[in-house]
C-alpha atoms as a PDB file:
ATOM      1  CA  MET A   1    -127.997 192.330   1.963  1.00  0.00           C
ATOM      2  CA  VAL A   2    -130.621 193.454  -0.511  1.00  0.00           C
ATOM      3  CA  ALA A   3    -134.189 193.467   0.710  1.00  0.00           C
ATOM      4  CA  ARG A   4    -136.608 191.490  -1.473  1.00  0.00           C
ATOM      5  CA  MET A   5    -140.116 192.535  -2.305  1.00  0.00           C
ATOM      6  CA  LYS A   6    -142.720 190.567  -0.310  1.00  0.00           C
ATOM      7  CA  THR A   7    -144.874 188.865  -2.979  1.00  0.00           C
ATOM      8  CA  LEU A   8    -148.345 187.403  -2.467  1.00  0.00           C
ATOM      9  CA  VAL A   9    -149.234 184.757  -5.037  1.00  0.00           C
ATOM     10  CA  ALA A  10    -152.889 183.555  -5.019  1.00  0.00           C
ATOM     11  CA  PHE A  11    -153.862 180.523  -7.023  1.00  0.00           C
ATOM     12  CA  ASP A  12    -157.048 179.280  -8.589  1.00  0.00           C
ATOM     13  CA  VAL A  13    -157.144 175.482  -8.636  1.00  0.00           C
ATOM     14  CA  ASP A  14    -159.106 173.953 -11.528  1.00  0.00           C
ATOM     15  CA  GLY A  15    -157.118 174.320 -14.741  1.00  0.00           C
ATOM     16  CA  THR A  16    -154.343 176.079 -12.785  1.00  0.00           C
ATOM     17  CA  LEU A  17    -152.709 173.760 -10.219  1.00  0.00           C
ATOM     18  CA  TYR A  18    -151.590 170.177 -10.724  1.00  0.00           C
ATOM     19  CA  SER A  19    -154.369 168.863  -8.483  1.00  0.00           C
ATOM     20  CA  GLY A  20    -156.953 170.534 -10.718  1.00  0.00           C
ATOM     21  CA  HIS A  21    -155.370 169.311 -13.973  1.00  0.00           C
ATOM     22  CA  GLY A  22    -153.482 172.542 -14.489  1.00  0.00           C
ATOM     23  CA  PRO A  23    -149.959 173.333 -15.692  1.00  0.00           C
ATOM     24  CA  ILE A  24    -148.451 174.405 -12.409  1.00  0.00           C
ATOM     25  CA  SER A  25    -146.749 171.437 -10.749  1.00  0.00           C
ATOM     26  CA  SER A  26    -146.523 170.584  -7.005  1.00  0.00           C
ATOM     27  CA  ASP A  27    -142.756 171.137  -7.221  1.00  0.00           C
ATOM     28  CA  GLN A  28    -143.313 174.684  -8.493  1.00  0.00           C
ATOM     29  CA  VAL A  29    -145.690 175.469  -5.659  1.00  0.00           C
ATOM     30  CA  LEU A  30    -143.308 173.991  -3.113  1.00  0.00           C
ATOM     31  CA  ARG A  31    -140.405 176.053  -4.486  1.00  0.00           C
ATOM     32  CA  LEU A  32    -142.441 179.212  -4.196  1.00  0.00           C
ATOM     33  CA  ARG A  33    -143.481 178.346  -0.659  1.00  0.00           C
ATOM     34  CA  SER A  34    -139.847 177.747   0.350  1.00  0.00           C
ATOM     35  CA  ASP A  35    -138.913 181.313  -0.550  1.00  0.00           C
ATOM     36  CA  PRO A  36    -139.294 183.568   2.559  1.00  0.00           C
ATOM     37  CA  ALA A  37    -140.190 186.526   0.292  1.00  0.00           C
ATOM     38  CA  MET A  38    -143.240 184.635  -1.099  1.00  0.00           C
ATOM     39  CA  ILE A  39    -146.647 184.231   0.452  1.00  0.00           C
ATOM     40  CA  VAL A  40    -148.463 181.463  -1.421  1.00  0.00           C
ATOM     41  CA  ALA A  41    -152.193 180.790  -1.017  1.00  0.00           C
ATOM     42  CA  ILE A  42    -155.200 179.220  -2.710  1.00  0.00           C
ATOM     43  CA  VAL A  43    -158.341 181.322  -3.214  1.00  0.00           C
ATOM     44  CA  SER A  44    -160.515 178.618  -4.838  1.00  0.00           C
ATOM     45  CA  PRO A  45    -163.264 176.543  -3.149  1.00  0.00           C
ATOM     46  CA  SER A  46    -162.537 173.695  -5.590  1.00  0.00           C
ATOM     47  CA  PRO A  47    -162.670 170.237  -4.059  1.00  0.00           C
ATOM     48  CA  ALA A  48    -159.487 169.565  -6.115  1.00  0.00           C
ATOM     49  CA  ARG A  49    -157.447 171.835  -3.817  1.00  0.00           C
ATOM     50  CA  PRO A  50    -154.151 170.205  -2.968  1.00  0.00           C
ATOM     51  CA  ASN A  51    -153.669 168.980   0.566  1.00  0.00           C
ATOM     52  CA  ASP A  52    -149.965 170.013   0.732  1.00  0.00           C
ATOM     53  CA  GLY A  53    -150.041 172.667   3.457  1.00  0.00           C
ATOM     54  CA  THR A  54    -150.532 175.614   1.108  1.00  0.00           C
ATOM     55  CA  GLU A  55    -152.572 178.327   2.855  1.00  0.00           C
ATOM     56  CA  ILE A  56    -156.196 178.442   1.839  1.00  0.00           C
ATOM     57  CA  CYS A  57    -158.101 181.710   2.098  1.00  0.00           C
ATOM     58  CA  LEU A  58    -161.828 181.675   1.408  1.00  0.00           C
ATOM     59  CA  HIS A  59    -164.411 184.239   2.410  1.00  0.00           C
ATOM     60  CA  GLY A  60    -167.904 183.015   3.311  1.00  0.00           C
ATOM     61  CA  ASP A  61    -168.735 180.036   1.122  1.00  0.00           C
ATOM     62  CA  GLY A  62    -165.714 180.721  -1.064  1.00  0.00           C
ATOM     63  CA  SER A  63    -167.624 181.358  -4.235  1.00  0.00           C
ATOM     64  CA  ASP A  64    -166.752 185.031  -4.565  1.00  0.00           C
ATOM     65  CA  ARG A  65    -163.233 185.312  -5.956  1.00  0.00           C
ATOM     66  CA  VAL A  66    -162.969 189.062  -5.349  1.00  0.00           C
ATOM     67  CA  ALA A  67    -163.925 188.546  -1.667  1.00  0.00           C
ATOM     68  CA  ASN A  68    -161.405 185.684  -1.334  1.00  0.00           C
ATOM     69  CA  LEU A  69    -158.590 187.788  -2.832  1.00  0.00           C
ATOM     70  CA  ARG A  70    -159.474 190.763  -0.585  1.00  0.00           C
ATOM     71  CA  ALA A  71    -159.589 188.542   2.502  1.00  0.00           C
ATOM     72  CA  LEU A  72    -156.150 187.195   1.592  1.00  0.00           C
ATOM     73  CA  LEU A  73    -154.805 190.760   1.178  1.00  0.00           C
ATOM     74  CA  GLU A  74    -156.277 191.815   4.522  1.00  0.00           C
ATOM     75  CA  LYS A  75    -154.444 188.897   6.136  1.00  0.00           C
ATOM     76  CA  HIS A  76    -151.112 189.741   4.418  1.00  0.00           C
ATOM     77  CA  THR A  77    -150.987 193.546   4.445  1.00  0.00           C
ATOM     78  CA  ASP A  78    -147.162 193.498   4.070  1.00  0.00           C
ATOM     79  CA  ALA A  79    -147.345 192.132   0.534  1.00  0.00           C
ATOM     80  CA  GLN A  80    -145.888 194.689  -1.886  1.00  0.00           C
ATOM     81  CA  LEU A  81    -146.665 192.700  -5.070  1.00  0.00           C
ATOM     82  CA  ARG A  82    -149.954 190.821  -5.451  1.00  0.00           C
ATOM     83  CA  ILE A  83    -150.397 188.244  -8.173  1.00  0.00           C
ATOM     84  CA  TYR A  84    -153.469 186.169  -8.995  1.00  0.00           C
ATOM     85  CA  VAL A  85    -152.827 183.068 -11.129  1.00  0.00           C
ATOM     86  CA  SER A  86    -155.739 181.470 -12.930  1.00  0.00           C
ATOM     87  CA  ASP A  87    -156.967 180.142 -16.245  1.00  0.00           C
ATOM     88  CA  ASN A  88    -160.378 181.787 -15.948  1.00  0.00           C
ATOM     89  CA  LYS A  89    -159.474 185.076 -17.713  1.00  0.00           C
ATOM     90  CA  ASP A  90    -160.946 186.909 -14.695  1.00  0.00           C
ATOM     91  CA  ILE A  91    -158.641 189.857 -15.062  1.00  0.00           C
ATOM     92  CA  GLY A  92    -161.342 192.279 -13.873  1.00  0.00           C
ATOM     93  CA  LYS A  93    -161.816 190.398 -10.595  1.00  0.00           C
ATOM     94  CA  ALA A  94    -158.083 190.466  -9.957  1.00  0.00           C
ATOM     95  CA  VAL A  95    -157.864 194.166 -10.620  1.00  0.00           C
ATOM     96  CA  GLN A  96    -160.918 194.863  -8.549  1.00  0.00           C
ATOM     97  CA  ALA A  97    -159.223 193.110  -5.605  1.00  0.00           C
ATOM     98  CA  GLY A  98    -155.892 194.837  -6.087  1.00  0.00           C
ATOM     99  CA  PHE A  99    -154.001 191.986  -7.799  1.00  0.00           C
ATOM    100  CA  CYS A 100    -152.183 191.548 -11.114  1.00  0.00           C
ATOM    101  CA  TYR A 101    -153.506 188.696 -13.225  1.00  0.00           C
ATOM    102  CA  ILE A 102    -151.233 186.091 -14.729  1.00  0.00           C
ATOM    103  CA  GLU A 103    -152.480 183.284 -16.925  1.00  0.00           C
ATOM    104  CA  ALA A 104    -151.640 179.859 -15.404  1.00  0.00           C
ATOM    105  CA  VAL A 105    -149.854 178.534 -18.459  1.00  0.00           C
ATOM    106  CA  ASN A 106    -147.655 181.661 -18.655  1.00  0.00           C
ATOM    107  CA  PHE A 107    -146.878 181.489 -14.954  1.00  0.00           C
ATOM    108  CA  ALA A 108    -145.903 177.821 -15.198  1.00  0.00           C
ATOM    109  CA  ALA A 109    -143.714 178.380 -18.251  1.00  0.00           C
ATOM    110  CA  GLY A 110    -142.002 181.571 -17.286  1.00  0.00           C
ATOM    111  CA  VAL A 111    -142.168 182.271 -13.541  1.00  0.00           C
ATOM    112  CA  CYS A 112    -141.434 179.070 -11.742  1.00  0.00           C
ATOM    113  CA  ARG A 113    -139.009 177.154 -13.820  1.00  0.00           C
END
């Protein structure tokens, strides 16, 4: 059996996930969550967060995206690949927290078909 890379996928909500009028559907999130090699979480304090059992990781009041991403990474130290999915163009925040940034529309179209 080939070992798979443990992947941490952190989502913004507004403009990213279906519940925040974004391109990533609930089915896509559920498919990711069903894969044992995937850790899926939300790092947005948006009130539009889905209530579907997806892990939510917020630091303090949740307004600091870098702190939220870092808190998620501290919780899941076994993640070998770290991806932050958003439509905010906050690439610098992703890099600062140790994540790769992927634009929500690209993720929806190419990663979780």
